[in-house]
Amino acid sequence: MLQFVKTTGDLNQNLSAAAHLIHGSSEGRFTITYCPGHLTRLEIESVNFTYSDLNMMMKKYNPKKLRDGYNTTPEGEKVFFISNPALGLWAHKDRFK
């Protein structure tokens, strides 16, 4: 990532964005899918994240219907929802029981 910051003007000029990308790493423990609505698939995948269409994912994972913690979709998929990622990633698991 540091090499990417050195060679990419956008990230070089916005180190806070680079820091968020670094801190957003799953370290292989789970999948992160970005659905930005304004960035291309190529831009998202170029920094090793998974891309998906925002409108499609909003229908599939409607944040108005999900609750913090584990949820099961109508299709049977188990997902972990964090309504406020700035706070939720640091929350203790006991708060989601």
PDB file of N, CA and C in Angstrom:
ATOM      1  N   MET A   1       0.831  -1.187   0.000  1.00  0.00           N
ATOM      2  CA  MET A   1       0.000   0.000   0.000  1.00  0.00           C
ATOM      3  C   MET A   1       0.874   1.248   0.000  1.00  0.00           C
ATOM      4  N   LEU A   2       1.965   1.248   0.742  1.00  0.00           N
ATOM      5  CA  LEU A   2       2.813   2.437   0.786  1.00  0.00           C
ATOM      6  C   LEU A   2       3.378   2.768  -0.588  1.00  0.00           C
ATOM      7  N   GLN A   3       3.745   1.738  -1.353  1.00  0.00           N
ATOM      8  CA  GLN A   3       4.240   1.969  -2.710  1.00  0.00           C
ATOM      9  C   GLN A   3       3.140   2.573  -3.577  1.00  0.00           C
ATOM     10  N   PHE A   4       1.912   2.090  -3.393  1.00  0.00           N
ATOM     11  CA  PHE A   4       0.766   2.614  -4.145  1.00  0.00           C
ATOM     12  C   PHE A   4       0.544   4.087  -3.821  1.00  0.00           C
ATOM     13  N   VAL A   5       0.701   4.470  -2.553  1.00  0.00           N
ATOM     14  CA  VAL A   5       0.552   5.871  -2.144  1.00  0.00           C
ATOM     15  C   VAL A   5       1.616   6.733  -2.826  1.00  0.00           C
ATOM     16  N   LYS A   6       2.844   6.227  -2.917  1.00  0.00           N
ATOM     17  CA  LYS A   6       3.936   6.977  -3.535  1.00  0.00           C
ATOM     18  C   LYS A   6       3.708   7.213  -5.022  1.00  0.00           C
ATOM     19  N   THR A   7       3.049   6.264  -5.685  1.00  0.00           N
ATOM     20  CA  THR A   7       2.928   6.338  -7.137  1.00  0.00           C
ATOM     21  C   THR A   7       1.565   6.813  -7.626  1.00  0.00           C
ATOM     22  N   THR A   8       0.631   7.048  -6.737  1.00  0.00           N
ATOM     23  CA  THR A   8      -0.719   7.458  -7.131  1.00  0.00           C
ATOM     24  C   THR A   8      -0.989   8.861  -6.615  1.00  0.00           C
ATOM     25  N   GLY A   9      -1.147   9.791  -7.541  1.00  0.00           N
ATOM     26  CA  GLY A   9      -1.338  11.193  -7.185  1.00  0.00           C
ATOM     27  C   GLY A   9      -2.508  11.441  -6.252  1.00  0.00           C
ATOM     28  N   ASP A  10      -3.650  10.790  -6.520  1.00  0.00           N
ATOM     29  CA  ASP A  10      -4.830  11.015  -5.682  1.00  0.00           C
ATOM     30  C   ASP A  10      -4.569  10.635  -4.232  1.00  0.00           C
ATOM     31  N   LEU A  11      -3.961   9.480  -4.020  1.00  0.00           N
ATOM     32  CA  LEU A  11      -3.683   9.041  -2.654  1.00  0.00           C
ATOM     33  C   LEU A  11      -2.553   9.845  -2.033  1.00  0.00           C
ATOM     34  N   ASN A  12      -1.569  10.211  -2.846  1.00  0.00           N
ATOM     35  CA  ASN A  12      -0.447  10.996  -2.353  1.00  0.00           C
ATOM     36  C   ASN A  12      -0.921  12.349  -1.833  1.00  0.00           C
ATOM     37  N   GLN A  13      -1.941  12.882  -2.457  1.00  0.00           N
ATOM     38  CA  GLN A  13      -2.477  14.185  -2.054  1.00  0.00           C
ATOM     39  C   GLN A  13      -3.543  14.068  -0.959  1.00  0.00           C
ATOM     40  N   ASN A  14      -3.952  12.864  -0.651  1.00  0.00           N
ATOM     41  CA  ASN A  14      -4.992  12.662   0.351  1.00  0.00           C
ATOM     42  C   ASN A  14      -4.608  11.463   1.225  1.00  0.00           C
ATOM     43  N   LEU A  15      -3.693  11.692   2.142  1.00  0.00           N
ATOM     44  CA  LEU A  15      -3.184  10.601   2.975  1.00  0.00           C
ATOM     45  C   LEU A  15      -4.246  10.022   3.900  1.00  0.00           C
ATOM     46  N   SER A  16      -5.266  10.796   4.212  1.00  0.00           N
ATOM     47  CA  SER A  16      -6.333  10.243   5.062  1.00  0.00           C
ATOM     48  C   SER A  16      -7.082   9.141   4.314  1.00  0.00           C
ATOM     49  N   ALA A  17      -7.252   9.287   3.005  1.00  0.00           N
ATOM     50  CA  ALA A  17      -7.890   8.227   2.213  1.00  0.00           C
ATOM     51  C   ALA A  17      -7.019   6.973   2.222  1.00  0.00           C
ATOM     52  N   ALA A  18      -5.712   7.167   2.083  1.00  0.00           N
ATOM     53  CA  ALA A  18      -4.794   6.016   2.125  1.00  0.00           C
ATOM     54  C   ALA A  18      -4.866   5.329   3.485  1.00  0.00           C
ATOM     55  N   ALA A  19      -4.931   6.111   4.542  1.00  0.00           N
ATOM     56  CA  ALA A  19      -5.014   5.534   5.891  1.00  0.00           C
ATOM     57  C   ALA A  19      -6.287   4.719   6.050  1.00  0.00           C
ATOM     58  N   HIS A  20      -7.392   5.200   5.509  1.00  0.00           N
ATOM     59  CA  HIS A  20      -8.646   4.451   5.598  1.00  0.00           C
ATOM     60  C   HIS A  20      -8.552   3.140   4.832  1.00  0.00           C
ATOM     61  N   LEU A  21      -7.872   3.161   3.684  1.00  0.00           N
ATOM     62  CA  LEU A  21      -7.698   1.919   2.940  1.00  0.00           C
ATOM     63  C   LEU A  21      -6.861   0.923   3.734  1.00  0.00           C
ATOM     64  N   ILE A  22      -5.812   1.417   4.369  1.00  0.00           N
ATOM     65  CA  ILE A  22      -4.959   0.536   5.165  1.00  0.00           C
ATOM     66  C   ILE A  22      -5.732  -0.007   6.357  1.00  0.00           C
ATOM     67  N   HIS A  23      -6.455   0.865   7.058  1.00  0.00           N
ATOM     68  CA  HIS A  23      -7.203   0.434   8.241  1.00  0.00           C
ATOM     69  C   HIS A  23      -8.409  -0.425   7.875  1.00  0.00           C
ATOM     70  N   GLY A  24      -8.827  -0.340   6.618  1.00  0.00           N
ATOM     71  CA  GLY A  24      -9.972  -1.111   6.167  1.00  0.00           C
ATOM     72  C   GLY A  24      -9.632  -2.522   5.746  1.00  0.00           C
ATOM     73  N   SER A  25      -8.408  -2.941   5.982  1.00  0.00           N
ATOM     74  CA  SER A  25      -7.991  -4.284   5.574  1.00  0.00           C
ATOM     75  C   SER A  25      -8.606  -5.339   6.486  1.00  0.00           C
ATOM     76  N   SER A  26      -9.061  -6.411   5.878  1.00  0.00           N
ATOM     77  CA  SER A  26      -9.628  -7.515   6.654  1.00  0.00           C
ATOM     78  C   SER A  26      -8.563  -8.508   7.093  1.00  0.00           C
ATOM     79  N   GLU A  27      -7.358  -8.328   6.594  1.00  0.00           N
ATOM     80  CA  GLU A  27      -6.250  -9.252   6.858  1.00  0.00           C
ATOM     81  C   GLU A  27      -6.665 -10.690   6.575  1.00  0.00           C
ATOM     82  N   GLY A  28      -7.514 -10.862   5.571  1.00  0.00           N
ATOM     83  CA  GLY A  28      -7.929 -12.188   5.156  1.00  0.00           C
ATOM     84  C   GLY A  28      -8.965 -12.856   6.048  1.00  0.00           C
ATOM     85  N   ARG A  29      -9.484 -12.145   7.038  1.00  0.00           N
ATOM     86  CA  ARG A  29     -10.431 -12.766   7.976  1.00  0.00           C
ATOM     87  C   ARG A  29     -11.866 -12.724   7.486  1.00  0.00           C
ATOM     88  N   PHE A  30     -12.203 -11.793   6.606  1.00  0.00           N
ATOM     89  CA  PHE A  30     -13.555 -11.670   6.075  1.00  0.00           C
ATOM     90  C   PHE A  30     -13.488 -10.909   4.764  1.00  0.00           C
ATOM     91  N   THR A  31     -14.583 -10.831   4.058  1.00  0.00           N
ATOM     92  CA  THR A  31     -14.643 -10.159   2.769  1.00  0.00           C
ATOM     93  C   THR A  31     -15.187  -8.750   2.935  1.00  0.00           C
ATOM     94  N   ILE A  32     -14.554  -7.806   2.267  1.00  0.00           N
ATOM     95  CA  ILE A  32     -15.034  -6.428   2.238  1.00  0.00           C
ATOM     96  C   ILE A  32     -15.497  -6.140   0.819  1.00  0.00           C
ATOM     97  N   THR A  33     -16.748  -5.746   0.675  1.00  0.00           N
ATOM     98  CA  THR A  33     -17.286  -5.383  -0.633  1.00  0.00           C
ATOM     99  C   THR A  33     -17.671  -3.920  -0.595  1.00  0.00           C
ATOM    100  N   TYR A  34     -17.084  -3.144  -1.505  1.00  0.00           N
ATOM    101  CA  TYR A  34     -17.406  -1.722  -1.597  1.00  0.00           C
ATOM    102  C   TYR A  34     -18.420  -1.504  -2.704  1.00  0.00           C
ATOM    103  N   CYS A  35     -19.421  -0.671  -2.402  1.00  0.00           N
ATOM    104  CA  CYS A  35     -20.488  -0.339  -3.339  1.00  0.00           C
ATOM    105  C   CYS A  35     -20.611   1.183  -3.341  1.00  0.00           C
ATOM    106  N   PRO A  36     -19.622   1.894  -3.887  1.00  0.00           N
ATOM    107  CA  PRO A  36     -19.561   3.333  -3.707  1.00  0.00           C
ATOM    108  C   PRO A  36     -20.580   4.131  -4.502  1.00  0.00           C
ATOM    109  N   GLY A  37     -21.048   3.623  -5.611  1.00  0.00           N
ATOM    110  CA  GLY A  37     -21.998   4.376  -6.415  1.00  0.00           C
ATOM    111  C   GLY A  37     -21.341   5.422  -7.300  1.00  0.00           C
ATOM    112  N   HIS A  38     -20.108   5.804  -7.007  1.00  0.00           N
ATOM    113  CA  HIS A  38     -19.450   6.838  -7.810  1.00  0.00           C
ATOM    114  C   HIS A  38     -18.030   6.477  -8.230  1.00  0.00           C
ATOM    115  N   LEU A  39     -17.527   5.331  -7.813  1.00  0.00           N
ATOM    116  CA  LEU A  39     -16.228   4.836  -8.253  1.00  0.00           C
ATOM    117  C   LEU A  39     -16.461   3.622  -9.148  1.00  0.00           C
ATOM    118  N   THR A  40     -15.530   3.379 -10.040  1.00  0.00           N
ATOM    119  CA  THR A  40     -15.693   2.257 -10.953  1.00  0.00           C
ATOM    120  C   THR A  40     -15.223   0.951 -10.331  1.00  0.00           C
ATOM    121  N   ARG A  41     -15.637  -0.143 -10.947  1.00  0.00           N
ATOM    122  CA  ARG A  41     -15.181  -1.467 -10.528  1.00  0.00           C
ATOM    123  C   ARG A  41     -13.657  -1.519 -10.572  1.00  0.00           C
ATOM    124  N   LEU A  42     -13.070  -0.973 -11.633  1.00  0.00           N
ATOM    125  CA  LEU A  42     -11.619  -0.984 -11.777  1.00  0.00           C
ATOM    126  C   LEU A  42     -10.931  -0.247 -10.632  1.00  0.00           C
ATOM    127  N   GLU A  43     -11.470   0.904 -10.241  1.00  0.00           N
ATOM    128  CA  GLU A  43     -10.875   1.664  -9.143  1.00  0.00           C
ATOM    129  C   GLU A  43     -10.919   0.885  -7.832  1.00  0.00           C
ATOM    130  N   ILE A  44     -12.035   0.246  -7.554  1.00  0.00           N
ATOM    131  CA  ILE A  44     -12.187  -0.522  -6.310  1.00  0.00           C
ATOM    132  C   ILE A  44     -11.288  -1.755  -6.330  1.00  0.00           C
ATOM    133  N   GLU A  45     -11.310  -2.484  -7.421  1.00  0.00           N
ATOM    134  CA  GLU A  45     -10.528  -3.715  -7.495  1.00  0.00           C
ATOM    135  C   GLU A  45      -9.028  -3.439  -7.596  1.00  0.00           C
ATOM    136  N   SER A  46      -8.641  -2.238  -8.046  1.00  0.00           N
ATOM    137  CA  SER A  46      -7.217  -1.912  -8.148  1.00  0.00           C
ATOM    138  C   SER A  46      -6.547  -1.792  -6.787  1.00  0.00           C
ATOM    139  N   VAL A  47      -7.337  -1.648  -5.724  1.00  0.00           N
ATOM    140  CA  VAL A  47      -6.784  -1.610  -4.366  1.00  0.00           C
ATOM    141  C   VAL A  47      -7.182  -2.866  -3.585  1.00  0.00           C
ATOM    142  N   ASN A  48      -7.489  -3.918  -4.348  1.00  0.00           N
ATOM    143  CA  ASN A  48      -7.732  -5.261  -3.812  1.00  0.00           C
ATOM    144  C   ASN A  48      -8.971  -5.400  -2.933  1.00  0.00           C
ATOM    145  N   PHE A  49     -10.010  -4.638  -3.258  1.00  0.00           N
ATOM    146  CA  PHE A  49     -11.296  -4.827  -2.605  1.00  0.00           C
ATOM    147  C   PHE A  49     -12.281  -5.390  -3.617  1.00  0.00           C
ATOM    148  N   THR A  50     -13.359  -5.958  -3.116  1.00  0.00           N
ATOM    149  CA  THR A  50     -14.410  -6.483  -3.977  1.00  0.00           C
ATOM    150  C   THR A  50     -15.399  -5.372  -4.284  1.00  0.00           C
ATOM    151  N   TYR A  51     -15.877  -5.320  -5.515  1.00  0.00           N
ATOM    152  CA  TYR A  51     -16.818  -4.294  -5.959  1.00  0.00           C
ATOM    153  C   TYR A  51     -18.185  -4.913  -6.186  1.00  0.00           C
ATOM    154  N   SER A  52     -19.227  -4.135  -5.900  1.00  0.00           N
ATOM    155  CA  SER A  52     -20.571  -4.524  -6.284  1.00  0.00           C
ATOM    156  C   SER A  52     -21.398  -3.268  -6.548  1.00  0.00           C
ATOM    157  N   ASP A  53     -22.487  -3.450  -7.265  1.00  0.00           N
ATOM    158  CA  ASP A  53     -23.379  -2.353  -7.616  1.00  0.00           C
ATOM    159  C   ASP A  53     -24.158  -1.870  -6.389  1.00  0.00           C
ATOM    160  N   LEU A  54     -24.160  -0.583  -6.158  1.00  0.00           N
ATOM    161  CA  LEU A  54     -24.803   0.003  -4.980  1.00  0.00           C
ATOM    162  C   LEU A  54     -26.303  -0.289  -4.938  1.00  0.00           C
ATOM    163  N   ASN A  55     -27.010  -0.057  -6.030  1.00  0.00           N
ATOM    164  CA  ASN A  55     -28.466  -0.246  -6.022  1.00  0.00           C
ATOM    165  C   ASN A  55     -28.847  -1.696  -5.755  1.00  0.00           C
ATOM    166  N   MET A  56     -28.114  -2.610  -6.370  1.00  0.00           N
ATOM    167  CA  MET A  56     -28.390  -4.038  -6.165  1.00  0.00           C
ATOM    168  C   MET A  56     -28.164  -4.430  -4.699  1.00  0.00           C
ATOM    169  N   MET A  57     -27.078  -3.957  -4.126  1.00  0.00           N
ATOM    170  CA  MET A  57     -26.756  -4.328  -2.746  1.00  0.00           C
ATOM    171  C   MET A  57     -27.689  -3.659  -1.735  1.00  0.00           C
ATOM    172  N   MET A  58     -28.166  -2.455  -2.033  1.00  0.00           N
ATOM    173  CA  MET A  58     -29.116  -1.793  -1.133  1.00  0.00           C
ATOM    174  C   MET A  58     -30.428  -2.575  -1.069  1.00  0.00           C
ATOM    175  N   LYS A  59     -30.810  -3.193  -2.175  1.00  0.00           N
ATOM    176  CA  LYS A  59     -32.014  -4.029  -2.173  1.00  0.00           C
ATOM    177  C   LYS A  59     -31.772  -5.322  -1.405  1.00  0.00           C
ATOM    178  N   LYS A  60     -30.602  -5.922  -1.623  1.00  0.00           N
ATOM    179  CA  LYS A  60     -30.293  -7.198  -0.979  1.00  0.00           C
ATOM    180  C   LYS A  60     -30.054  -7.045   0.513  1.00  0.00           C
ATOM    181  N   TYR A  61     -29.347  -5.969   0.906  1.00  0.00           N
ATOM    182  CA  TYR A  61     -28.998  -5.727   2.310  1.00  0.00           C
ATOM    183  C   TYR A  61     -29.551  -4.368   2.735  1.00  0.00           C
ATOM    184  N   ASN A  62     -30.841  -4.270   2.816  1.00  0.00           N
ATOM    185  CA  ASN A  62     -31.498  -3.010   3.136  1.00  0.00           C
ATOM    186  C   ASN A  62     -31.159  -2.595   4.569  1.00  0.00           C
ATOM    187  N   PRO A  63     -30.402  -1.492   4.738  1.00  0.00           N
ATOM    188  CA  PRO A  63     -30.004  -1.087   6.094  1.00  0.00           C
ATOM    189  C   PRO A  63     -31.177  -0.703   6.994  1.00  0.00           C
ATOM    190  N   LYS A  64     -32.319  -0.428   6.411  1.00  0.00           N
ATOM    191  CA  LYS A  64     -33.503  -0.118   7.227  1.00  0.00           C
ATOM    192  C   LYS A  64     -34.100  -1.379   7.852  1.00  0.00           C
ATOM    193  N   LYS A  65     -33.760  -2.535   7.292  1.00  0.00           N
ATOM    194  CA  LYS A  65     -34.295  -3.792   7.802  1.00  0.00           C
ATOM    195  C   LYS A  65     -33.288  -4.575   8.643  1.00  0.00           C
ATOM    196  N   LEU A  66     -32.001  -4.230   8.527  1.00  0.00           N
ATOM    197  CA  LEU A  66     -30.970  -4.957   9.273  1.00  0.00           C
ATOM    198  C   LEU A  66     -30.781  -4.347  10.651  1.00  0.00           C
ATOM    199  N   ARG A  67     -30.346  -5.165  11.598  1.00  0.00           N
ATOM    200  CA  ARG A  67     -30.018  -4.670  12.932  1.00  0.00           C
ATOM    201  C   ARG A  67     -28.530  -4.898  13.169  1.00  0.00           C
ATOM    202  N   ASP A  68     -27.942  -4.149  14.069  1.00  0.00           N
ATOM    203  CA  ASP A  68     -26.528  -4.316  14.375  1.00  0.00           C
ATOM    204  C   ASP A  68     -26.254  -5.745  14.832  1.00  0.00           C
ATOM    205  N   GLY A  69     -25.186  -6.294  14.327  1.00  0.00           N
ATOM    206  CA  GLY A  69     -24.800  -7.660  14.670  1.00  0.00           C
ATOM    207  C   GLY A  69     -25.148  -8.624  13.557  1.00  0.00           C
ATOM    208  N   TYR A  70     -25.307  -9.893  13.903  1.00  0.00           N
ATOM    209  CA  TYR A  70     -25.579 -10.928  12.914  1.00  0.00           C
ATOM    210  C   TYR A  70     -27.018 -10.874  12.446  1.00  0.00           C
ATOM    211  N   ASN A  71     -27.202 -11.066  11.158  1.00  0.00           N
ATOM    212  CA  ASN A  71     -28.507 -11.120  10.519  1.00  0.00           C
ATOM    213  C   ASN A  71     -28.481 -12.290   9.539  1.00  0.00           C
ATOM    214  N   THR A  72     -29.646 -12.833   9.240  1.00  0.00           N
ATOM    215  CA  THR A  72     -29.765 -13.841   8.200  1.00  0.00           C
ATOM    216  C   THR A  72     -30.704 -13.292   7.140  1.00  0.00           C
ATOM    217  N   THR A  73     -30.231 -13.267   5.890  1.00  0.00           N
ATOM    218  CA  THR A  73     -31.041 -12.758   4.790  1.00  0.00           C
ATOM    219  C   THR A  73     -32.129 -13.767   4.438  1.00  0.00           C
ATOM    220  N   PRO A  74     -33.159 -13.341   3.689  1.00  0.00           N
ATOM    221  CA  PRO A  74     -34.201 -14.287   3.265  1.00  0.00           C
ATOM    222  C   PRO A  74     -33.639 -15.470   2.479  1.00  0.00           C
ATOM    223  N   GLU A  75     -32.472 -15.280   1.843  1.00  0.00           N
ATOM    224  CA  GLU A  75     -31.833 -16.363   1.092  1.00  0.00           C
ATOM    225  C   GLU A  75     -31.024 -17.282   1.999  1.00  0.00           C
ATOM    226  N   GLY A  76     -30.946 -16.969   3.300  1.00  0.00           N
ATOM    227  CA  GLY A  76     -30.222 -17.811   4.245  1.00  0.00           C
ATOM    228  C   GLY A  76     -28.772 -17.418   4.469  1.00  0.00           C
ATOM    229  N   GLU A  77     -28.348 -16.303   3.884  1.00  0.00           N
ATOM    230  CA  GLU A  77     -26.970 -15.841   4.068  1.00  0.00           C
ATOM    231  C   GLU A  77     -26.818 -15.169   5.435  1.00  0.00           C
ATOM    232  N   LYS A  78     -25.783 -15.540   6.164  1.00  0.00           N
ATOM    233  CA  LYS A  78     -25.503 -14.927   7.451  1.00  0.00           C
ATOM    234  C   LYS A  78     -24.543 -13.759   7.240  1.00  0.00           C
ATOM    235  N   VAL A  79     -24.962 -12.553   7.667  1.00  0.00           N
ATOM    236  CA  VAL A  79     -24.146 -11.353   7.500  1.00  0.00           C
ATOM    237  C   VAL A  79     -24.041 -10.624   8.830  1.00  0.00           C
ATOM    238  N   PHE A  80     -22.949  -9.897   8.988  1.00  0.00           N
ATOM    239  CA  PHE A  80     -22.752  -9.078  10.183  1.00  0.00           C
ATOM    240  C   PHE A  80     -22.912  -7.634   9.758  1.00  0.00           C
ATOM    241  N   PHE A  81     -23.901  -6.941  10.331  1.00  0.00           N
ATOM    242  CA  PHE A  81     -24.216  -5.568   9.960  1.00  0.00           C
ATOM    243  C   PHE A  81     -23.707  -4.601  11.018  1.00  0.00           C
ATOM    244  N   ILE A  82     -23.075  -3.519  10.550  1.00  0.00           N
ATOM    245  CA  ILE A  82     -22.588  -2.460  11.427  1.00  0.00           C
ATOM    246  C   ILE A  82     -23.197  -1.158  10.924  1.00  0.00           C
ATOM    247  N   SER A  83     -24.126  -0.593  11.677  1.00  0.00           N
ATOM    248  CA  SER A  83     -24.828   0.607  11.223  1.00  0.00           C
ATOM    249  C   SER A  83     -23.934   1.839  11.219  1.00  0.00           C
ATOM    250  N   ASN A  84     -22.945   1.866  12.089  1.00  0.00           N
ATOM    251  CA  ASN A  84     -22.002   2.991  12.128  1.00  0.00           C
ATOM    252  C   ASN A  84     -20.590   2.421  12.137  1.00  0.00           C
ATOM    253  N   PRO A  85     -20.004   2.192  10.954  1.00  0.00           N
ATOM    254  CA  PRO A  85     -18.690   1.552  10.906  1.00  0.00           C
ATOM    255  C   PRO A  85     -17.613   2.283  11.701  1.00  0.00           C
ATOM    256  N   ALA A  86     -17.728   3.582  11.852  1.00  0.00           N
ATOM    257  CA  ALA A  86     -16.716   4.323  12.610  1.00  0.00           C
ATOM    258  C   ALA A  86     -16.687   3.879  14.065  1.00  0.00           C
ATOM    259  N   LEU A  87     -17.820   3.430  14.572  1.00  0.00           N
ATOM    260  CA  LEU A  87     -17.895   2.965  15.959  1.00  0.00           C
ATOM    261  C   LEU A  87     -18.009   1.449  16.052  1.00  0.00           C
ATOM    262  N   GLY A  88     -18.714   0.859  15.110  1.00  0.00           N
ATOM    263  CA  GLY A  88     -19.048  -0.552  15.183  1.00  0.00           C
ATOM    264  C   GLY A  88     -17.878  -1.499  15.131  1.00  0.00           C
ATOM    265  N   LEU A  89     -16.831  -1.152  14.416  1.00  0.00           N
ATOM    266  CA  LEU A  89     -15.698  -2.064  14.319  1.00  0.00           C
ATOM    267  C   LEU A  89     -14.978  -2.225  15.639  1.00  0.00           C
ATOM    268  N   TRP A  90     -15.183  -1.296  16.542  1.00  0.00           N
ATOM    269  CA  TRP A  90     -14.481  -1.342  17.832  1.00  0.00           C
ATOM    270  C   TRP A  90     -15.391  -1.824  18.955  1.00  0.00           C
ATOM    271  N   ALA A  91     -16.627  -2.122  18.648  1.00  0.00           N
ATOM    272  CA  ALA A  91     -17.578  -2.541  19.675  1.00  0.00           C
ATOM    273  C   ALA A  91     -17.266  -3.968  20.130  1.00  0.00           C
ATOM    274  N   HIS A  92     -17.570  -4.242  21.362  1.00  0.00           N
ATOM    275  CA  HIS A  92     -17.352  -5.589  21.918  1.00  0.00           C
ATOM    276  C   HIS A  92     -18.509  -6.481  21.497  1.00  0.00           C
ATOM    277  N   LYS A  93     -18.220  -7.742  21.189  1.00  0.00           N
ATOM    278  CA  LYS A  93     -19.217  -8.669  20.667  1.00  0.00           C
ATOM    279  C   LYS A  93     -20.397  -8.864  21.616  1.00  0.00           C
ATOM    280  N   ASP A  94     -20.211  -8.697  22.916  1.00  0.00           N
ATOM    281  CA  ASP A  94     -21.311  -8.877  23.864  1.00  0.00           C
ATOM    282  C   ASP A  94     -22.451  -7.879  23.657  1.00  0.00           C
ATOM    283  N   ARG A  95     -22.162  -6.742  23.021  1.00  0.00           N
ATOM    284  CA  ARG A  95     -23.192  -5.750  22.772  1.00  0.00           C
ATOM    285  C   ARG A  95     -24.169  -6.175  21.692  1.00  0.00           C
ATOM    286  N   PHE A  96     -23.853  -7.235  20.947  1.00  0.00           N
ATOM    287  CA  PHE A  96     -24.694  -7.663  19.850  1.00  0.00           C
ATOM    288  C   PHE A  96     -25.472  -8.928  20.154  1.00  0.00           C
ATOM    289  N   LYS A  97     -25.566  -9.306  21.420  1.00  0.00           N
ATOM    290  CA  LYS A  97     -26.312 -10.515  21.786  1.00  0.00           C
ATOM    291  C   LYS A  97     -27.785 -10.223  21.922  1.00  0.00           C
TER     292      LYS A  97
END
